Amino acid sequence: MGLHNAPLGKNSEYPDSYSPELLFPVPRDDNRRRIGLSDGRWPWFGEDLWQAWEVSWLRPSGVPAVAWIEFRVPAASPSLIESKSWKLYLNSLNQSVFSTPEQMLEVVERDLSSACGAAVTARLHSVDESGVATGRPEGFILIDDEPVDAVSYDYDASCLSVDGPVITEKLCSHLLKSNCPVTGQPDWGTLTVEYTGPALSRAGLLKYVVGFRQKQDFHEHCVETVFTDIMTHCQPESLTVCARYTRRGGLDINPWRSTEPGYAPSVRLIRQ
């Protein structure tokens, strides 16, 4: 299905009954071909961590229940799921009765897995759970005040370079901004880069991040672009890239790609 058929950028009626057909898959292959990858050979392990903060359904008594859910979508899935369709789908649960929270989770995992083509896992959280949001993940060095010259707001991978010996470090920028490829609305995020290899030029990385400011792409595509560009231009021995985007419509998306197997960290940043 083409993006012109997606609910993005269109007036939408919010369903009052369970509607799994609302989920809109977007093939990942199209973007991966644009960044020079093909034939299912991706240089990463990864997943997309979604945090849904507006989840509700009806208990058998008719009394509503509310919660938030952490979803994990494998990066190896054939498709991602367009975020507005995900929001509409979750809202279709609002007037649906489930005997237990576990039953609701089973239904949601089944529907999302069917839509993206791979097993999606979901973890339910009570809204009473305590937690502390952080400005940036622990141990990461902020690069946003690095001195730079000739800032450009156009995407340019040639900004990336190395300027030192092999090291291991964790870098972070709060200045990631990209735009929705359908509506043009801004998407704000924090980018983290963890690597072992020749020292990245922090000023160059900052200029590169700022260059996403007018780039139109999905969250997942942006992270895969960053990962591929750093691997190409800087050739680290190991690399992990994650973007933690601010929420829209009760959802925040946190794509994670790494040369090492693992999982996207369950961290909530202050802007989420």
C-alpha atoms as a PDB file:
ATOM      1  CA  MET A   1       0.000   0.000   0.000  1.00  0.00           C
ATOM      2  CA  GLY A   2       1.325   3.423  -0.920  1.00  0.00           C
ATOM      3  CA  LEU A   3       1.693   6.158   1.667  1.00  0.00           C
ATOM      4  CA  HIS A   4      -1.090   8.084  -0.059  1.00  0.00           C
ATOM      5  CA  ASN A   5      -3.428   5.482   1.460  1.00  0.00           C
ATOM      6  CA  ALA A   6      -2.111   6.027   4.997  1.00  0.00           C
ATOM      7  CA  PRO A   7      -4.183   7.983   7.549  1.00  0.00           C
ATOM      8  CA  LEU A   8      -1.327  10.477   7.997  1.00  0.00           C
ATOM      9  CA  GLY A   9      -2.322  14.029   7.168  1.00  0.00           C
ATOM     10  CA  LYS A  10      -6.004  13.187   6.816  1.00  0.00           C
ATOM     11  CA  ASN A  11      -9.036  13.764   8.975  1.00  0.00           C
ATOM     12  CA  SER A  12      -9.766  10.518  10.772  1.00  0.00           C
ATOM     13  CA  GLU A  13     -12.769   9.244  12.673  1.00  0.00           C
ATOM     14  CA  TYR A  14     -11.818   7.628  15.930  1.00  0.00           C
ATOM     15  CA  PRO A  15     -13.301   4.132  16.014  1.00  0.00           C
ATOM     16  CA  ASP A  16     -15.533   3.064  18.889  1.00  0.00           C
ATOM     17  CA  SER A  17     -15.024  -0.653  18.271  1.00  0.00           C
ATOM     18  CA  TYR A  18     -12.036  -2.957  17.940  1.00  0.00           C
ATOM     19  CA  SER A  19     -10.489  -2.378  14.489  1.00  0.00           C
ATOM     20  CA  PRO A  20      -7.218  -4.220  13.750  1.00  0.00           C
ATOM     21  CA  GLU A  21      -7.598  -3.417  10.040  1.00  0.00           C
ATOM     22  CA  LEU A  22      -6.567   0.172  10.848  1.00  0.00           C
ATOM     23  CA  LEU A  23      -2.908  -0.832  11.237  1.00  0.00           C
ATOM     24  CA  PHE A  24      -0.982   0.407   8.200  1.00  0.00           C
ATOM     25  CA  PRO A  25       2.322  -1.351   7.348  1.00  0.00           C
ATOM     26  CA  VAL A  26       5.099   0.484   5.500  1.00  0.00           C
ATOM     27  CA  PRO A  27       7.746  -1.741   3.816  1.00  0.00           C
ATOM     28  CA  ARG A  28      11.244  -1.161   5.165  1.00  0.00           C
ATOM     29  CA  ASP A  29      13.019  -2.256   1.975  1.00  0.00           C
ATOM     30  CA  ASP A  30      12.303   0.933   0.031  1.00  0.00           C
ATOM     31  CA  ASN A  31      14.323   3.102   2.404  1.00  0.00           C
ATOM     32  CA  ARG A  32      17.080   0.539   2.811  1.00  0.00           C
ATOM     33  CA  ARG A  33      17.612   0.477  -0.931  1.00  0.00           C
ATOM     34  CA  ARG A  34      17.949   4.277  -0.849  1.00  0.00           C
ATOM     35  CA  ILE A  35      20.864   3.984   1.573  1.00  0.00           C
ATOM     36  CA  GLY A  36      22.580   1.311  -0.491  1.00  0.00           C
ATOM     37  CA  LEU A  37      21.351  -1.861   1.217  1.00  0.00           C
ATOM     38  CA  SER A  38      19.463  -4.707  -0.426  1.00  0.00           C
ATOM     39  CA  ASP A  39      18.648  -8.413  -0.418  1.00  0.00           C
ATOM     40  CA  GLY A  40      17.826  -8.516   3.279  1.00  0.00           C
ATOM     41  CA  ARG A  41      21.447  -8.014   4.289  1.00  0.00           C
ATOM     42  CA  TRP A  42      21.471  -5.386   7.003  1.00  0.00           C
ATOM     43  CA  PRO A  43      24.636  -4.499   8.950  1.00  0.00           C
ATOM     44  CA  TRP A  44      22.829  -4.303  12.279  1.00  0.00           C
ATOM     45  CA  PHE A  45      20.820  -5.962  14.975  1.00  0.00           C
ATOM     46  CA  GLY A  46      17.941  -3.830  16.118  1.00  0.00           C
ATOM     47  CA  GLU A  47      14.429  -3.114  17.205  1.00  0.00           C
ATOM     48  CA  ASP A  48      11.998  -0.247  17.438  1.00  0.00           C
ATOM     49  CA  LEU A  49      10.889   0.466  20.995  1.00  0.00           C
ATOM     50  CA  TRP A  50       7.474   2.132  21.111  1.00  0.00           C
ATOM     51  CA  GLN A  51       6.031   3.576  24.319  1.00  0.00           C
ATOM     52  CA  ALA A  52       2.255   4.037  24.262  1.00  0.00           C
ATOM     53  CA  TRP A  53       1.013   6.314  27.033  1.00  0.00           C
ATOM     54  CA  GLU A  54      -2.712   6.426  26.183  1.00  0.00           C
ATOM     55  CA  VAL A  55      -4.011   2.858  26.455  1.00  0.00           C
ATOM     56  CA  SER A  56      -7.470   2.003  27.775  1.00  0.00           C
ATOM     57  CA  TRP A  57     -10.025  -0.803  27.546  1.00  0.00           C
ATOM     58  CA  LEU A  58     -13.088  -2.031  29.437  1.00  0.00           C
ATOM     59  CA  ARG A  59     -13.079  -4.607  32.187  1.00  0.00           C
ATOM     60  CA  PRO A  60     -15.945  -7.152  32.304  1.00  0.00           C
ATOM     61  CA  SER A  61     -17.715  -4.929  34.838  1.00  0.00           C
ATOM     62  CA  GLY A  62     -17.745  -2.115  32.299  1.00  0.00           C
ATOM     63  CA  VAL A  63     -15.306  -0.031  34.362  1.00  0.00           C
ATOM     64  CA  PRO A  64     -12.437   1.242  32.187  1.00  0.00           C
ATOM     65  CA  ALA A  65      -8.824   0.303  32.768  1.00  0.00           C
ATOM     66  CA  VAL A  66      -5.830   2.455  31.840  1.00  0.00           C
ATOM     67  CA  ALA A  67      -2.153   1.604  31.453  1.00  0.00           C
ATOM     68  CA  TRP A  68       0.895   2.311  29.351  1.00  0.00           C
ATOM     69  CA  ILE A  69       2.586  -0.282  27.161  1.00  0.00           C
ATOM     70  CA  GLU A  70       6.129  -0.839  25.945  1.00  0.00           C
ATOM     71  CA  PHE A  71       6.210  -2.453  22.488  1.00  0.00           C
ATOM     72  CA  ARG A  72       9.243  -3.946  20.746  1.00  0.00           C
ATOM     73  CA  VAL A  73       9.174  -4.367  16.963  1.00  0.00           C
ATOM     74  CA  PRO A  74      12.090  -6.305  15.415  1.00  0.00           C
ATOM     75  CA  ALA A  75      14.124  -4.280  12.916  1.00  0.00           C
ATOM     76  CA  ALA A  76      14.149  -7.457  10.802  1.00  0.00           C
ATOM     77  CA  SER A  77      10.379  -7.236  10.303  1.00  0.00           C
ATOM     78  CA  PRO A  78       9.395  -6.672   6.648  1.00  0.00           C
ATOM     79  CA  SER A  79       7.388  -3.578   7.583  1.00  0.00           C
ATOM     80  CA  LEU A  80       7.201  -0.849  10.160  1.00  0.00           C
ATOM     81  CA  ILE A  81       3.771   0.379  11.237  1.00  0.00           C
ATOM     82  CA  GLU A  82       2.749   3.945  10.466  1.00  0.00           C
ATOM     83  CA  SER A  83       2.306   5.781  13.769  1.00  0.00           C
ATOM     84  CA  LYS A  84      -1.091   7.409  13.243  1.00  0.00           C
ATOM     85  CA  SER A  85      -2.608   4.075  12.266  1.00  0.00           C
ATOM     86  CA  TRP A  86      -1.111   2.608  15.453  1.00  0.00           C
ATOM     87  CA  LYS A  87      -2.712   5.412  17.462  1.00  0.00           C
ATOM     88  CA  LEU A  88      -6.104   4.856  15.822  1.00  0.00           C
ATOM     89  CA  TYR A  89      -5.822   1.121  16.430  1.00  0.00           C
ATOM     90  CA  LEU A  90      -5.073   1.584  20.130  1.00  0.00           C
ATOM     91  CA  ASN A  91      -8.025   3.947  20.422  1.00  0.00           C
ATOM     92  CA  SER A  92     -10.237   1.230  18.953  1.00  0.00           C
ATOM     93  CA  LEU A  93      -9.657  -0.705  22.189  1.00  0.00           C
ATOM     94  CA  ASN A  94     -11.217   2.017  24.332  1.00  0.00           C
ATOM     95  CA  GLN A  95     -14.729   0.531  24.266  1.00  0.00           C
ATOM     96  CA  SER A  96     -13.660  -3.114  23.925  1.00  0.00           C
ATOM     97  CA  VAL A  97     -14.122  -5.557  26.791  1.00  0.00           C
ATOM     98  CA  PHE A  98     -11.278  -7.870  27.801  1.00  0.00           C
ATOM     99  CA  SER A  99     -11.524 -10.404  30.580  1.00  0.00           C
ATOM    100  CA  THR A 100      -7.994  -9.721  31.794  1.00  0.00           C
ATOM    101  CA  PRO A 101      -5.085  -7.409  30.929  1.00  0.00           C
ATOM    102  CA  GLU A 102      -3.259 -10.480  29.667  1.00  0.00           C
ATOM    103  CA  GLN A 103      -6.009 -11.172  27.140  1.00  0.00           C
ATOM    104  CA  MET A 104      -5.775  -7.602  25.866  1.00  0.00           C
ATOM    105  CA  LEU A 105      -1.990  -7.937  25.481  1.00  0.00           C
ATOM    106  CA  GLU A 106      -2.342 -11.217  23.568  1.00  0.00           C
ATOM    107  CA  VAL A 107      -4.728  -9.582  21.101  1.00  0.00           C
ATOM    108  CA  VAL A 108      -2.517  -6.526  20.629  1.00  0.00           C
ATOM    109  CA  GLU A 109       0.652  -8.596  20.144  1.00  0.00           C
ATOM    110  CA  ARG A 110      -1.131 -10.768  17.577  1.00  0.00           C
ATOM    111  CA  ASP A 111      -2.461  -7.801  15.585  1.00  0.00           C
ATOM    112  CA  LEU A 112       0.814  -5.866  15.545  1.00  0.00           C
ATOM    113  CA  SER A 113       2.821  -8.976  14.653  1.00  0.00           C
ATOM    114  CA  SER A 114       0.467  -9.690  11.766  1.00  0.00           C
ATOM    115  CA  ALA A 115       0.754  -6.108  10.490  1.00  0.00           C
ATOM    116  CA  CYS A 116       4.568  -5.854  10.536  1.00  0.00           C
ATOM    117  CA  GLY A 117       5.332  -9.484   9.647  1.00  0.00           C
ATOM    118  CA  ALA A 118       7.349 -10.448  12.746  1.00  0.00           C
ATOM    119  CA  ALA A 119       6.773 -11.175  16.416  1.00  0.00           C
ATOM    120  CA  VAL A 120       6.039  -8.005  18.391  1.00  0.00           C
ATOM    121  CA  THR A 121       6.261  -8.158  22.179  1.00  0.00           C
ATOM    122  CA  ALA A 122       4.296  -5.963  24.568  1.00  0.00           C
ATOM    123  CA  ARG A 123       4.802  -5.247  28.252  1.00  0.00           C
ATOM    124  CA  LEU A 124       2.034  -3.645  30.288  1.00  0.00           C
ATOM    125  CA  HIS A 125       2.813  -1.016  32.926  1.00  0.00           C
ATOM    126  CA  SER A 126       0.516   0.402  35.576  1.00  0.00           C
ATOM    127  CA  VAL A 127       0.169   4.174  35.557  1.00  0.00           C
ATOM    128  CA  ASP A 128       0.854   3.956  39.298  1.00  0.00           C
ATOM    129  CA  GLU A 129       4.401   2.729  38.696  1.00  0.00           C
ATOM    130  CA  SER A 130       6.979   5.265  39.775  1.00  0.00           C
ATOM    131  CA  GLY A 131       9.851   6.230  37.542  1.00  0.00           C
ATOM    132  CA  VAL A 132      12.228   9.100  36.948  1.00  0.00           C
ATOM    133  CA  ALA A 133      12.799  10.611  33.524  1.00  0.00           C
ATOM    134  CA  THR A 134      16.351  11.627  32.740  1.00  0.00           C
ATOM    135  CA  GLY A 135      17.823  14.329  30.535  1.00  0.00           C
ATOM    136  CA  ARG A 136      20.064  11.919  28.682  1.00  0.00           C
ATOM    137  CA  PRO A 137      21.114   8.307  29.239  1.00  0.00           C
ATOM    138  CA  GLU A 138      23.758   7.838  31.914  1.00  0.00           C
ATOM    139  CA  GLY A 139      27.359   7.992  30.742  1.00  0.00           C
ATOM    140  CA  PHE A 140      26.739   9.841  27.464  1.00  0.00           C
ATOM    141  CA  ILE A 141      28.683  13.006  26.584  1.00  0.00           C
ATOM    142  CA  LEU A 142      26.601  15.898  25.224  1.00  0.00           C
ATOM    143  CA  ILE A 143      28.039  17.375  22.018  1.00  0.00           C
ATOM    144  CA  ASP A 144      25.551  20.214  21.501  1.00  0.00           C
ATOM    145  CA  ASP A 145      27.978  22.957  22.589  1.00  0.00           C
ATOM    146  CA  GLU A 146      30.874  21.847  20.387  1.00  0.00           C
ATOM    147  CA  PRO A 147      32.250  24.760  18.322  1.00  0.00           C
ATOM    148  CA  VAL A 148      31.234  24.403  14.689  1.00  0.00           C
ATOM    149  CA  ASP A 149      31.494  26.570  11.612  1.00  0.00           C
ATOM    150  CA  ALA A 150      29.415  26.828   8.454  1.00  0.00           C
ATOM    151  CA  VAL A 151      26.331  25.153   9.883  1.00  0.00           C
ATOM    152  CA  SER A 152      24.008  23.796   7.208  1.00  0.00           C
ATOM    153  CA  TYR A 153      20.419  22.644   7.569  1.00  0.00           C
ATOM    154  CA  ASP A 154      20.731  20.236   4.661  1.00  0.00           C
ATOM    155  CA  TYR A 155      21.539  16.572   5.151  1.00  0.00           C
ATOM    156  CA  ASP A 156      25.231  15.985   4.395  1.00  0.00           C
ATOM    157  CA  ALA A 157      26.973  12.768   5.410  1.00  0.00           C
ATOM    158  CA  SER A 158      30.357  14.203   4.418  1.00  0.00           C
ATOM    159  CA  CYS A 159      30.368  16.122   7.730  1.00  0.00           C
ATOM    160  CA  LEU A 160      31.275  12.858   9.448  1.00  0.00           C
ATOM    161  CA  SER A 161      34.973  12.242  10.032  1.00  0.00           C
ATOM    162  CA  VAL A 162      37.465  10.912  12.561  1.00  0.00           C
ATOM    163  CA  ASP A 163      40.160  12.911  14.296  1.00  0.00           C
ATOM    164  CA  GLY A 164      41.853  10.701  16.850  1.00  0.00           C
ATOM    165  CA  PRO A 165      43.022   7.248  17.933  1.00  0.00           C
ATOM    166  CA  VAL A 166      40.796   4.262  18.620  1.00  0.00           C
ATOM    167  CA  ILE A 167      38.621   4.866  21.682  1.00  0.00           C
ATOM    168  CA  THR A 168      35.326   3.752  23.188  1.00  0.00           C
ATOM    169  CA  GLU A 169      32.850   6.510  23.986  1.00  0.00           C
ATOM    170  CA  LYS A 170      29.186   7.458  24.175  1.00  0.00           C
ATOM    171  CA  LEU A 171      27.970  10.667  22.527  1.00  0.00           C
ATOM    172  CA  CYS A 172      24.583  12.374  22.684  1.00  0.00           C
ATOM    173  CA  SER A 173      22.756  15.253  20.996  1.00  0.00           C
ATOM    174  CA  HIS A 174      19.341  16.694  21.822  1.00  0.00           C
ATOM    175  CA  LEU A 175      19.289  18.579  18.499  1.00  0.00           C
ATOM    176  CA  LEU A 176      17.894  15.870  16.267  1.00  0.00           C
ATOM    177  CA  LYS A 177      14.947  17.143  14.271  1.00  0.00           C
ATOM    178  CA  SER A 178      13.467  15.540  11.186  1.00  0.00           C
ATOM    179  CA  ASN A 179      10.148  16.005   9.444  1.00  0.00           C
ATOM    180  CA  CYS A 180       7.319  13.600   8.735  1.00  0.00           C
ATOM    181  CA  PRO A 181       7.588  12.553   5.069  1.00  0.00           C
ATOM    182  CA  VAL A 182       3.818  12.883   4.590  1.00  0.00           C
ATOM    183  CA  THR A 183       2.654  15.848   6.703  1.00  0.00           C
ATOM    184  CA  GLY A 184       5.921  17.774   7.025  1.00  0.00           C
ATOM    185  CA  GLN A 185       5.347  18.120  10.776  1.00  0.00           C
ATOM    186  CA  PRO A 186       8.512  18.249  12.890  1.00  0.00           C
ATOM    187  CA  ASP A 187       9.716  15.217  14.831  1.00  0.00           C
ATOM    188  CA  TRP A 188      12.021  16.029  17.765  1.00  0.00           C
ATOM    189  CA  GLY A 189      14.463  13.606  19.319  1.00  0.00           C
ATOM    190  CA  THR A 190      17.654  12.850  21.198  1.00  0.00           C
ATOM    191  CA  LEU A 191      20.306  10.906  19.305  1.00  0.00           C
ATOM    192  CA  THR A 192      22.816   8.646  21.049  1.00  0.00           C
ATOM    193  CA  VAL A 193      25.904   7.149  19.414  1.00  0.00           C
ATOM    194  CA  GLU A 194      28.013   4.538  21.210  1.00  0.00           C
ATOM    195  CA  TYR A 195      31.064   3.162  19.444  1.00  0.00           C
ATOM    196  CA  THR A 196      34.544   1.714  19.562  1.00  0.00           C
ATOM    197  CA  GLY A 197      36.836   2.932  16.794  1.00  0.00           C
ATOM    198  CA  PRO A 198      38.804   5.953  15.599  1.00  0.00           C
ATOM    199  CA  ALA A 199      37.572   8.985  17.566  1.00  0.00           C
ATOM    200  CA  LEU A 200      34.658  10.680  15.846  1.00  0.00           C
ATOM    201  CA  SER A 201      34.937  14.393  15.235  1.00  0.00           C
ATOM    202  CA  ARG A 202      32.329  15.710  17.688  1.00  0.00           C
ATOM    203  CA  ALA A 203      31.954  18.945  15.738  1.00  0.00           C
ATOM    204  CA  GLY A 204      31.455  16.965  12.567  1.00  0.00           C
ATOM    205  CA  LEU A 205      28.858  14.744  14.216  1.00  0.00           C
ATOM    206  CA  LEU A 206      27.031  17.811  15.528  1.00  0.00           C
ATOM    207  CA  LYS A 207      26.965  19.411  12.059  1.00  0.00           C
ATOM    208  CA  TYR A 208      25.668  16.126  10.662  1.00  0.00           C
ATOM    209  CA  VAL A 209      22.857  15.943  13.232  1.00  0.00           C
ATOM    210  CA  VAL A 210      21.828  19.545  12.552  1.00  0.00           C
ATOM    211  CA  GLY A 211      21.716  18.650   8.849  1.00  0.00           C
ATOM    212  CA  PHE A 212      18.667  16.462   9.532  1.00  0.00           C
ATOM    213  CA  ARG A 213      16.675  19.569  10.416  1.00  0.00           C
ATOM    214  CA  GLN A 214      14.868  19.693   7.058  1.00  0.00           C
ATOM    215  CA  LYS A 215      15.153  15.994   6.183  1.00  0.00           C
ATOM    216  CA  GLN A 216      11.836  14.234   5.610  1.00  0.00           C
ATOM    217  CA  ASP A 217      11.807  10.626   6.737  1.00  0.00           C
ATOM    218  CA  PHE A 218      10.318   8.222   9.242  1.00  0.00           C
ATOM    219  CA  HIS A 219      12.017   7.858  12.636  1.00  0.00           C
ATOM    220  CA  GLU A 220      13.230   4.344  11.830  1.00  0.00           C
ATOM    221  CA  HIS A 221      14.673   5.423   8.492  1.00  0.00           C
ATOM    222  CA  CYS A 222      16.583   8.308  10.087  1.00  0.00           C
ATOM    223  CA  VAL A 223      18.317   6.014  12.565  1.00  0.00           C
ATOM    224  CA  GLU A 224      19.252   3.521   9.864  1.00  0.00           C
ATOM    225  CA  THR A 225      20.653   6.376   7.782  1.00  0.00           C
ATOM    226  CA  VAL A 226      22.767   7.606  10.703  1.00  0.00           C
ATOM    227  CA  PHE A 227      24.040   4.105  11.414  1.00  0.00           C
ATOM    228  CA  THR A 228      24.944   3.451   7.778  1.00  0.00           C
ATOM    229  CA  ASP A 229      26.621   6.851   7.329  1.00  0.00           C
ATOM    230  CA  ILE A 230      28.813   6.468  10.424  1.00  0.00           C
ATOM    231  CA  MET A 231      29.814   2.954   9.400  1.00  0.00           C
ATOM    232  CA  THR A 232      30.689   4.177   5.894  1.00  0.00           C
ATOM    233  CA  HIS A 233      32.565   7.374   6.765  1.00  0.00           C
ATOM    234  CA  CYS A 234      34.136   6.473  10.120  1.00  0.00           C
ATOM    235  CA  GLN A 235      34.435   2.668  10.038  1.00  0.00           C
ATOM    236  CA  PRO A 236      34.110   1.952  13.773  1.00  0.00           C
ATOM    237  CA  GLU A 237      34.783  -1.525  15.118  1.00  0.00           C
ATOM    238  CA  SER A 238      31.413  -1.510  16.861  1.00  0.00           C
ATOM    239  CA  LEU A 239      28.497   0.912  16.747  1.00  0.00           C
ATOM    240  CA  THR A 240      25.127   1.452  18.403  1.00  0.00           C
ATOM    241  CA  VAL A 241      22.777   4.247  17.328  1.00  0.00           C
ATOM    242  CA  CYS A 242      19.495   5.103  19.007  1.00  0.00           C
ATOM    243  CA  ALA A 243      17.069   7.995  18.620  1.00  0.00           C
ATOM    244  CA  ARG A 244      14.538   8.695  21.333  1.00  0.00           C
ATOM    245  CA  TYR A 245      11.798  10.809  19.808  1.00  0.00           C
ATOM    246  CA  THR A 246       9.273  12.885  21.700  1.00  0.00           C
ATOM    247  CA  ARG A 247       5.748  11.584  21.773  1.00  0.00           C
ATOM    248  CA  ARG A 248       3.038  12.383  19.271  1.00  0.00           C
ATOM    249  CA  GLY A 249      -0.524  11.183  19.718  1.00  0.00           C
ATOM    250  CA  GLY A 250       0.436   9.410  22.928  1.00  0.00           C
ATOM    251  CA  LEU A 251       3.250   7.438  21.260  1.00  0.00           C
ATOM    252  CA  ASP A 252       6.994   7.866  21.267  1.00  0.00           C
ATOM    253  CA  ILE A 253       9.238   5.853  18.934  1.00  0.00           C
ATOM    254  CA  ASN A 254      12.787   4.846  19.808  1.00  0.00           C
ATOM    255  CA  PRO A 255      14.603   3.003  16.990  1.00  0.00           C
ATOM    256  CA  TRP A 256      17.777   1.174  18.062  1.00  0.00           C
ATOM    257  CA  ARG A 257      20.414  -0.306  15.709  1.00  0.00           C
ATOM    258  CA  SER A 258      23.676  -1.970  16.726  1.00  0.00           C
ATOM    259  CA  THR A 259      26.503  -4.108  15.421  1.00  0.00           C
ATOM    260  CA  GLU A 260      26.020  -6.154  18.611  1.00  0.00           C
ATOM    261  CA  PRO A 261      22.928  -8.218  19.511  1.00  0.00           C
ATOM    262  CA  GLY A 262      20.823  -6.765  22.295  1.00  0.00           C
ATOM    263  CA  TYR A 263      17.772  -4.692  23.083  1.00  0.00           C
ATOM    264  CA  ALA A 264      16.789  -1.050  23.034  1.00  0.00           C
ATOM    265  CA  PRO A 265      17.233   0.306  26.575  1.00  0.00           C
ATOM    266  CA  SER A 266      14.080   1.034  28.551  1.00  0.00           C
ATOM    267  CA  VAL A 267      14.830   4.668  29.315  1.00  0.00           C
ATOM    268  CA  ARG A 268      12.441   7.589  29.398  1.00  0.00           C
ATOM    269  CA  LEU A 269      13.932  10.965  28.626  1.00  0.00           C
ATOM    270  CA  ILE A 270      12.578  14.203  30.076  1.00  0.00           C
ATOM    271  CA  ARG A 271      10.986  15.275  26.770  1.00  0.00           C
ATOM    272  CA  GLN A 272       9.091  12.021  26.451  1.00  0.00           C
END
